[in-house]
Amino acid sequence: MMVIVVREFDPEKDVEGVEEMERRCEVGPSGKLSLFTDLLGDPICRIRHSPAFLMLVAEMVGDDEQERANEKREIVGIIRGCIKTVTCGKKFSRNGKNAPDQPSKPLPVFTKLAYVLGLRVSLSYRRRGIGLKLVTRLEEWFRKNGAEYSYLATDSDNLASATLFIDKCGYSKFRTPSILVQPVFAHRLRVSTRVSILKLGPSDAESLYRHRFSTTEFFPRDIDCVLKNKLNLGTFLAVPRGAYSLGESWPGADEFLSNPPESWAVLSVWNCKEAWRLEVRGASRVKKGLAKTTRIVDRAFPWLQIPSVPELFRPFGLHFLYGLGGEGPRAVKMMRVLCGFAHNLAKEQGCGVVATEVSSHEPLRLGIPHWKSLSCAEDLWCMKRLGEDYSDGSVGDWTKSPPGLSIFVDPREV
């Protein structure tokens, strides 16, 4: 008799079994386009950059020693999770005696948040409670390591996932951000000469993010680790040309923050291509032929700036834009310039698309170019409070809080 054993992933012996199981799961709907992920031989590539992470496997084994010795073990399910400290709200500081008339400064309220991703169960072993076992074990690890909340992202039309997490595991619908995807064309985009784009060093980028974005929901407390990660390609700031005198160098984040230009925008770029690749499957020969034709025309006449469909039907890489923000009446236009710059950077790196994820209420989303056919207007984030004892007293139960204008999407969890 065979039983299901849930245990920690062993990189020395489980890689081949995990890859085989994921290949068996990669069966898209008949007649429809499907998106598949190639982890480049590293099953934990999507969690290894987090402060704490765990991958579990569900293995089919015999229920006594003799059967375990004779029977071939088979991995039939997997799940991944990670933990970090993020902003869940804000509170206002009390003014001291020396400045009673000064407005209160908002301060971030932090909580320890767990993230669930990559739940897979082999097709022939579904509806046996394996997914529930994996989630339960992972949540035990979350609680043991002090996580106060757990969340996950899933497609809004994935009924099986919603049934498991909402109906059986006690999660509730929390946020519905939008995934915006822009193809990388064969031509370079023209970038406005009225805007200067500055690349910030990690320390200046950290200072800017902590001063202006630390009260944004999901802002990671270890933003310095994100910005110094090898997959981070840089933080780029758009300011009006002439904001600094000719030949004047970047004055530093502190001086910029004390006297910013009327309008500015910022974003950072994460190189997902070096960690994993995507591939679109299920396209007909006609669609592939039409896409190829657009690329041929685009390469032949780049000055026409004709949009073309990149090679998405083979494994392709992407750059993820995160930490998007800005201020001023021209911030939307400057964000569009930054996205054009990011497109050209992705083209130089051989990527197929540029993607980002923003709140459905994000004021700057009008400045983010994207194709509706490649994007997801409503990604579903579900959240669960893991225990009665939690530290965010000024916020209350985060799962019941209203959404803000923006969210900070951590690229380590993309």
Protein backbone atom coordinates (compact mmCIF):
# COMPACT_ATOMS: atom_id res chain seq x y z
CA MET A 1 0.00 0.00 0.00
CA MET A 2 1.28 3.46 -0.90
CA VAL A 3 1.02 6.57 1.30
CA ILE A 4 1.74 10.28 0.84
CA VAL A 5 4.72 11.71 2.74
CA VAL A 6 5.29 15.47 2.84
CA ARG A 7 8.92 16.47 3.43
CA GLU A 8 11.43 19.19 2.69
CA PHE A 9 12.85 19.42 -0.81
CA ASP A 10 16.33 17.86 -1.12
CA PRO A 11 18.36 19.57 -3.89
CA GLU A 12 20.75 16.61 -3.99
CA LYS A 13 18.16 14.04 -5.07
CA ASP A 14 14.83 15.74 -5.89
CA VAL A 15 15.59 18.03 -8.84
CA GLU A 16 14.96 15.40 -11.52
CA GLY A 17 11.76 14.18 -9.86
CA VAL A 18 10.41 17.72 -9.45
CA GLU A 19 11.15 18.61 -13.08
CA GLU A 20 9.44 15.42 -14.26
CA MET A 21 6.35 16.15 -12.16
CA GLU A 22 6.13 19.73 -13.41
CA ARG A 23 6.41 18.54 -17.01
CA ARG A 24 3.43 16.23 -16.42
CA CYS A 25 1.47 19.19 -15.07
CA GLU A 26 2.17 21.31 -18.13
CA VAL A 27 -0.94 20.42 -20.07
CA GLY A 28 -2.69 23.56 -21.27
CA PRO A 29 -6.35 23.80 -22.32
CA SER A 30 -7.02 22.41 -25.77
CA GLY A 31 -7.12 25.04 -28.51
CA LYS A 32 -6.00 27.87 -26.23
CA LEU A 33 -2.72 29.66 -25.62
CA SER A 34 -0.95 28.66 -22.39
CA LEU A 35 2.04 30.13 -20.55
CA PHE A 36 4.70 27.77 -19.18
CA THR A 37 7.73 28.41 -17.00
CA ASP A 38 11.24 27.00 -17.38
CA LEU A 39 13.11 27.22 -14.07
CA LEU A 40 16.45 26.48 -15.74
CA GLY A 41 17.16 23.49 -13.53
CA ASP A 42 16.74 25.38 -10.25
CA PRO A 43 13.38 24.54 -8.57
CA ILE A 44 13.90 27.15 -5.83
CA CYS A 45 14.97 30.01 -8.10
CA ARG A 46 11.78 31.96 -7.36
CA ILE A 47 12.27 31.94 -3.59
CA ARG A 48 16.02 31.65 -2.99
CA HIS A 49 16.51 35.44 -2.82
CA SER A 50 14.04 35.87 0.07
CA PRO A 51 15.26 36.18 3.69
CA ALA A 52 13.72 32.80 4.64
CA PHE A 53 12.31 30.18 2.30
CA LEU A 54 11.18 26.56 2.13
CA MET A 55 10.15 24.11 -0.55
CA LEU A 56 8.16 20.98 0.26
CA VAL A 57 7.48 17.89 -1.83
CA ALA A 58 4.71 15.31 -1.52
CA GLU A 59 6.10 11.86 -2.23
CA MET A 60 4.27 8.60 -2.85
CA VAL A 61 6.00 5.83 -0.84
CA GLY A 62 5.18 2.40 0.61
CA ASP A 63 3.74 2.30 4.14
CA ASP A 64 6.25 -0.25 5.49
CA GLU A 65 10.02 -0.64 5.27
CA GLN A 66 9.96 -3.48 2.73
CA GLU A 67 7.69 -1.60 0.35
CA ARG A 68 9.77 1.53 0.72
CA ALA A 69 12.86 -0.46 -0.20
CA ASN A 70 11.25 -2.14 -3.23
CA GLU A 71 8.88 0.48 -4.57
CA LYS A 72 10.01 3.41 -6.67
CA ARG A 73 9.37 6.70 -4.93
CA GLU A 74 7.45 9.29 -6.92
CA ILE A 75 7.09 13.03 -6.28
CA VAL A 76 3.43 13.92 -6.87
CA GLY A 77 3.20 17.44 -5.42
CA ILE A 78 5.27 20.51 -4.55
CA ILE A 79 4.84 23.85 -2.85
CA ARG A 80 7.13 26.81 -2.14
CA GLY A 81 7.01 29.53 0.47
CA CYS A 82 9.03 32.43 1.85
CA ILE A 83 8.87 34.94 4.69
CA LYS A 84 9.85 38.59 4.95
CA THR A 85 8.94 41.75 6.88
CA VAL A 86 6.76 44.26 5.00
CA THR A 87 4.66 47.37 5.54
CA CYS A 88 1.03 46.60 6.35
CA GLY A 89 -0.09 50.15 7.15
CA LYS A 90 1.03 53.42 8.66
CA LYS A 91 0.75 55.42 11.84
CA PHE A 92 1.51 59.05 12.59
CA SER A 93 4.35 60.12 14.81
CA ARG A 94 3.75 62.36 17.76
CA ASN A 95 5.32 65.78 17.51
CA GLY A 96 7.82 66.66 20.19
CA LYS A 97 7.79 69.74 22.39
CA ASN A 98 10.24 71.51 20.09
CA ALA A 99 7.94 71.34 17.04
CA PRO A 100 4.32 71.13 18.21
CA ASP A 101 3.00 72.91 15.11
CA GLN A 102 4.72 70.63 12.60
CA PRO A 103 2.45 68.15 10.77
CA SER A 104 2.69 64.55 11.96
CA LYS A 105 4.94 62.34 9.88
CA PRO A 106 3.52 59.00 8.69
CA LEU A 107 5.58 56.01 9.79
CA PRO A 108 5.37 52.45 8.45
CA VAL A 109 3.80 49.66 10.47
CA PHE A 110 5.64 46.40 9.75
CA THR A 111 4.49 42.81 9.96
CA LYS A 112 6.03 39.44 9.17
CA LEU A 113 4.42 38.16 5.98
CA ALA A 114 4.60 34.73 4.36
CA TYR A 115 4.08 34.07 0.66
CA VAL A 116 2.80 30.85 -0.91
CA LEU A 117 3.68 30.04 -4.51
CA GLY A 118 4.30 27.20 -6.94
CA LEU A 119 1.70 24.71 -5.65
CA ARG A 120 1.55 21.80 -8.09
CA VAL A 121 -0.06 18.35 -7.86
CA SER A 122 0.27 15.65 -10.53
CA LEU A 123 -2.88 15.29 -12.64
CA SER A 124 -3.40 11.64 -11.72
CA TYR A 125 -3.18 12.37 -7.98
CA ARG A 126 -5.52 15.34 -7.69
CA ARG A 127 -8.63 15.33 -5.46
CA ARG A 128 -6.82 13.26 -2.83
CA GLY A 129 -6.09 16.08 -0.39
CA ILE A 130 -2.43 16.39 -1.37
CA GLY A 131 -2.66 20.13 -2.02
CA LEU A 132 -4.28 20.68 1.38
CA LYS A 133 -1.54 18.63 3.10
CA LEU A 134 1.17 20.71 1.44
CA VAL A 135 -0.46 24.03 2.37
CA THR A 136 -1.02 22.89 5.97
CA ARG A 137 2.61 21.82 6.42
CA LEU A 138 3.89 25.04 4.88
CA GLU A 139 1.69 27.13 7.17
CA GLU A 140 3.10 25.23 10.16
CA TRP A 141 6.56 26.37 9.09
CA PHE A 142 5.27 29.94 8.64
CA ARG A 143 3.90 30.04 12.19
CA LYS A 144 7.03 28.45 13.63
CA ASN A 145 9.08 31.23 12.06
CA GLY A 146 6.89 34.04 13.36
CA ALA A 147 4.83 34.92 10.27
CA GLU A 148 1.64 36.81 11.17
CA TYR A 149 -0.01 36.69 7.75
CA SER A 150 0.18 34.49 4.66
CA TYR A 151 -0.81 35.46 1.12
CA LEU A 152 -0.74 34.11 -2.41
CA ALA A 153 -1.44 35.25 -5.95
CA THR A 154 -3.55 33.27 -8.40
CA ASP A 155 -5.51 33.77 -11.60
CA SER A 156 -8.96 35.17 -10.89
CA ASP A 157 -10.47 32.40 -13.04
CA ASN A 158 -8.54 29.54 -11.41
CA LEU A 159 -11.49 27.93 -9.63
CA ALA A 160 -9.50 24.97 -8.28
CA SER A 161 -6.99 27.26 -6.57
CA ALA A 162 -9.69 29.54 -5.20
CA THR A 163 -11.64 26.56 -3.83
CA LEU A 164 -8.60 25.17 -2.04
CA PHE A 165 -7.32 28.37 -0.48
CA ILE A 166 -10.58 30.23 0.19
CA ASP A 167 -13.02 27.42 0.98
CA LYS A 168 -10.66 24.92 2.65
CA CYS A 169 -7.69 26.91 3.98
CA GLY A 170 -9.44 30.04 5.24
CA TYR A 171 -7.94 32.66 2.92
CA SER A 172 -9.99 35.63 1.76
CA LYS A 173 -9.81 37.83 -1.31
CA PHE A 174 -7.55 40.76 -0.47
CA ARG A 175 -6.27 42.75 -3.46
CA THR A 176 -6.72 42.64 -7.24
CA PRO A 177 -3.65 44.29 -8.83
CA SER A 178 -3.05 44.40 -12.57
CA ILE A 179 -0.19 42.68 -14.41
CA LEU A 180 0.85 44.91 -17.31
CA VAL A 181 3.00 43.40 -20.06
CA GLN A 182 4.66 45.19 -22.97
CA PRO A 183 6.32 43.23 -25.79
CA VAL A 184 9.89 44.08 -26.70
CA PHE A 185 9.87 45.21 -30.31
CA ALA A 186 12.59 44.71 -32.90
CA HIS A 187 13.15 48.49 -32.93
CA ARG A 188 14.27 50.80 -30.15
CA LEU A 189 11.68 53.18 -28.76
CA ARG A 190 12.30 56.90 -29.02
CA VAL A 191 12.90 58.45 -25.61
CA SER A 192 12.04 62.12 -25.05
CA THR A 193 15.03 64.45 -24.98
CA ARG A 194 13.14 66.73 -22.58
CA VAL A 195 13.76 64.27 -19.77
CA SER A 196 17.04 63.25 -18.14
CA ILE A 197 17.34 59.68 -16.85
CA LEU A 198 19.76 59.14 -13.97
CA LYS A 199 20.92 55.77 -12.67
CA LEU A 200 21.05 55.76 -8.89
CA GLY A 201 23.47 53.76 -6.81
CA PRO A 202 22.02 51.24 -4.33
CA SER A 203 22.48 53.54 -1.29
CA ASP A 204 20.79 56.52 -2.99
CA ALA A 205 18.00 54.27 -4.29
CA GLU A 206 17.47 52.86 -0.81
CA SER A 207 17.31 56.33 0.71
CA LEU A 208 14.78 57.47 -1.90
CA TYR A 209 12.56 54.42 -1.43
CA ARG A 210 12.67 54.52 2.37
CA HIS A 211 11.82 58.23 2.53
CA ARG A 212 9.04 58.24 -0.05
CA PHE A 213 7.65 54.70 -0.26
CA SER A 214 8.17 53.00 3.11
CA THR A 215 4.49 53.46 4.06
CA THR A 216 3.33 51.83 0.82
CA GLU A 217 1.58 48.50 1.34
CA PHE A 218 3.90 45.44 0.96
CA PHE A 219 7.07 47.60 1.03
CA PRO A 220 9.91 45.21 2.07
CA ARG A 221 11.82 46.23 5.15
CA ASP A 222 15.00 44.75 3.62
CA ILE A 223 14.77 46.91 0.49
CA ASP A 224 18.54 47.30 0.67
CA CYS A 225 18.96 43.56 0.02
CA VAL A 226 16.66 43.81 -3.00
CA LEU A 227 18.57 46.72 -4.50
CA LYS A 228 21.96 45.06 -3.96
CA ASN A 229 20.88 41.72 -5.42
CA LYS A 230 22.76 40.58 -8.54
CA LEU A 231 19.47 40.35 -10.47
CA ASN A 232 18.73 44.03 -9.90
CA LEU A 233 19.84 45.97 -12.97
CA GLY A 234 19.46 49.39 -11.39
CA THR A 235 17.16 52.14 -10.20
CA PHE A 236 16.42 54.89 -12.71
CA LEU A 237 15.14 58.38 -11.97
CA ALA A 238 13.51 60.66 -14.57
CA VAL A 239 13.71 64.42 -14.04
CA PRO A 240 13.10 67.39 -16.37
CA ARG A 241 16.10 68.18 -18.52
CA GLY A 242 17.78 71.19 -17.03
CA ALA A 243 16.77 70.30 -13.47
CA TYR A 244 20.48 70.22 -12.82
CA SER A 245 22.99 72.64 -14.34
CA LEU A 246 25.10 71.53 -17.29
CA GLY A 247 27.85 69.27 -16.05
CA GLU A 248 26.39 69.07 -12.54
CA SER A 249 26.40 65.55 -11.20
CA TRP A 250 23.69 63.83 -9.21
CA PRO A 251 23.52 65.75 -5.90
CA GLY A 252 22.62 62.70 -3.81
CA ALA A 253 19.33 61.40 -2.52
CA ASP A 254 19.19 63.62 0.57
CA GLU A 255 19.57 66.84 -1.38
CA PHE A 256 17.15 65.60 -4.05
CA LEU A 257 14.54 64.81 -1.40
CA SER A 258 14.96 68.18 0.31
CA ASN A 259 14.50 70.07 -2.96
CA PRO A 260 12.95 67.84 -5.67
CA PRO A 261 12.00 69.13 -9.12
CA GLU A 262 8.34 69.89 -9.83
CA SER A 263 7.86 66.45 -11.43
CA TRP A 264 9.85 63.22 -11.32
CA ALA A 265 9.41 59.45 -11.63
CA VAL A 266 11.39 56.40 -10.56
CA LEU A 267 11.50 52.66 -11.21
CA SER A 268 13.85 49.71 -10.76
CA VAL A 269 14.54 46.81 -13.13
CA TRP A 270 14.83 43.15 -12.11
CA ASN A 271 16.42 40.65 -14.50
CA CYS A 272 14.13 37.60 -14.35
CA LYS A 273 15.79 36.23 -17.49
CA GLU A 274 18.76 34.98 -15.51
CA ALA A 275 16.55 33.01 -13.11
CA TRP A 276 13.76 31.57 -15.27
CA ARG A 277 12.16 31.77 -18.72
CA LEU A 278 8.63 31.73 -20.11
CA GLU A 279 7.14 30.13 -23.21
CA VAL A 280 3.75 30.49 -24.92
CA ARG A 281 2.37 27.20 -26.19
CA GLY A 282 -0.73 26.23 -28.12
CA ALA A 283 -0.42 28.79 -30.93
CA SER A 284 -1.42 27.73 -34.43
CA ARG A 285 0.99 27.85 -37.35
CA VAL A 286 -0.98 30.80 -38.74
CA LYS A 287 -0.49 32.84 -35.56
CA LYS A 288 3.19 31.98 -35.42
CA GLY A 289 3.57 32.96 -39.07
CA LEU A 290 1.82 36.29 -38.60
CA ALA A 291 3.97 37.06 -35.56
CA LYS A 292 7.14 36.28 -37.51
CA THR A 293 6.00 38.55 -40.33
CA THR A 294 5.61 41.49 -37.95
CA ARG A 295 9.17 40.99 -36.72
CA ILE A 296 10.56 40.82 -40.28
CA VAL A 297 8.82 44.08 -41.20
CA ASP A 298 9.90 45.75 -37.96
CA ARG A 299 13.56 44.79 -38.48
CA ALA A 300 13.50 45.93 -42.10
CA PHE A 301 11.95 49.34 -41.35
CA PRO A 302 12.85 50.23 -37.75
CA TRP A 303 12.38 53.97 -38.34
CA LEU A 304 8.64 53.37 -38.86
CA GLN A 305 8.32 52.27 -35.20
CA ILE A 306 5.85 49.52 -36.17
CA PRO A 307 4.84 47.36 -33.17
CA SER A 308 5.84 43.72 -33.65
CA VAL A 309 5.18 40.47 -31.80
CA PRO A 310 8.41 39.08 -30.26
CA GLU A 311 9.38 35.40 -30.39
CA LEU A 312 7.18 34.19 -27.54
CA PHE A 313 6.70 30.64 -28.82
CA ARG A 314 10.15 29.60 -27.65
CA PRO A 315 11.60 30.16 -24.16
CA PHE A 316 12.09 33.89 -23.63
CA GLY A 317 13.26 36.12 -20.80
CA LEU A 318 11.69 39.17 -19.21
CA HIS A 319 12.57 42.19 -17.17
CA PHE A 320 10.28 43.09 -14.27
CA LEU A 321 9.75 46.73 -13.33
CA TYR A 322 9.18 47.42 -9.64
CA GLY A 323 9.28 50.31 -7.19
CA LEU A 324 7.35 52.55 -9.59
CA GLY A 325 6.57 55.97 -8.22
CA GLY A 326 6.73 59.66 -8.81
CA GLU A 327 5.30 63.06 -8.01
CA GLY A 328 4.17 66.17 -9.84
CA PRO A 329 1.90 67.11 -12.74
CA ARG A 330 4.17 65.48 -15.33
CA ALA A 331 4.91 62.29 -13.37
CA VAL A 332 2.76 60.14 -15.69
CA LYS A 333 4.64 61.40 -18.76
CA MET A 334 7.97 60.78 -17.06
CA MET A 335 6.92 57.27 -16.14
CA ARG A 336 6.15 56.65 -19.82
CA VAL A 337 9.68 57.85 -20.68
CA LEU A 338 11.16 55.51 -18.06
CA CYS A 339 9.17 52.59 -19.48
CA GLY A 340 10.52 53.39 -22.94
CA PHE A 341 14.04 53.40 -21.51
CA ALA A 342 13.34 50.05 -19.79
CA HIS A 343 12.05 48.62 -23.09
CA ASN A 344 15.31 49.52 -24.82
CA LEU A 345 17.32 48.02 -21.96
CA ALA A 346 15.33 44.78 -22.29
CA LYS A 347 15.97 44.78 -26.05
CA GLU A 348 19.71 45.04 -25.44
CA GLN A 349 19.48 42.08 -23.03
CA GLY A 350 17.53 39.93 -25.53
CA CYS A 351 14.25 39.81 -23.56
CA GLY A 352 10.84 39.09 -25.05
CA VAL A 353 8.69 41.26 -22.77
CA VAL A 354 8.79 43.87 -20.02
CA ALA A 355 6.27 43.40 -17.21
CA THR A 356 5.14 45.06 -14.01
CA GLU A 357 2.35 44.70 -11.46
CA VAL A 358 0.54 47.68 -9.96
CA SER A 359 -2.50 48.43 -7.87
CA SER A 360 -5.77 48.83 -9.74
CA HIS A 361 -5.85 52.36 -8.23
CA GLU A 362 -2.23 53.26 -9.13
CA PRO A 363 -2.15 56.94 -10.28
CA LEU A 364 0.82 56.29 -12.61
CA ARG A 365 -0.62 53.29 -14.47
CA LEU A 366 -1.64 55.56 -17.37
CA GLY A 367 2.06 56.06 -18.01
CA ILE A 368 2.80 52.32 -18.29
CA PRO A 369 2.56 51.08 -21.91
CA HIS A 370 1.20 47.56 -22.26
CA TRP A 371 -0.73 45.24 -24.53
CA LYS A 372 -4.12 44.24 -23.20
CA SER A 373 -3.86 40.84 -24.92
CA LEU A 374 -0.69 40.00 -22.93
CA SER A 375 -1.73 41.58 -19.62
CA CYS A 376 -3.98 40.53 -16.76
CA ALA A 377 -6.39 43.24 -15.62
CA GLU A 378 -7.19 41.49 -12.33
CA ASP A 379 -4.69 39.25 -10.59
CA LEU A 380 -6.19 37.80 -7.41
CA TRP A 381 -4.28 38.11 -4.13
CA CYS A 382 -5.68 36.18 -1.18
CA MET A 383 -4.58 36.60 2.44
CA LYS A 384 -4.99 34.82 5.76
CA ARG A 385 -4.20 35.85 9.32
CA LEU A 386 -2.11 33.06 10.83
CA GLY A 387 -2.62 33.74 14.54
CA GLU A 388 -4.48 35.75 17.13
CA ASP A 389 -1.34 37.43 18.43
CA TYR A 390 -0.17 40.04 15.96
CA SER A 391 1.85 43.23 16.27
CA ASP A 392 0.09 45.67 13.93
CA GLY A 393 -2.19 47.11 16.62
CA SER A 394 -2.59 50.49 14.94
CA VAL A 395 -3.73 48.79 11.73
CA GLY A 396 -5.99 46.11 13.21
CA ASP A 397 -6.58 42.99 11.17
CA TRP A 398 -4.73 43.67 7.91
CA THR A 399 -6.95 41.24 5.99
CA LYS A 400 -9.90 43.61 6.57
CA SER A 401 -8.12 46.85 5.67
CA PRO A 402 -9.16 48.89 2.61
CA PRO A 403 -6.71 49.08 -0.34
CA GLY A 404 -4.45 52.06 -0.79
CA LEU A 405 -3.57 53.81 -4.02
CA SER A 406 -0.34 51.84 -4.52
CA ILE A 407 1.34 48.57 -3.63
CA PHE A 408 5.01 47.61 -3.68
CA VAL A 409 5.54 44.36 -5.55
CA ASP A 410 8.71 42.57 -4.43
CA PRO A 411 10.56 41.28 -7.54
CA ARG A 412 11.93 38.33 -5.56
CA GLU A 413 8.43 36.85 -5.55
CA VAL A 414 7.60 37.28 -9.23
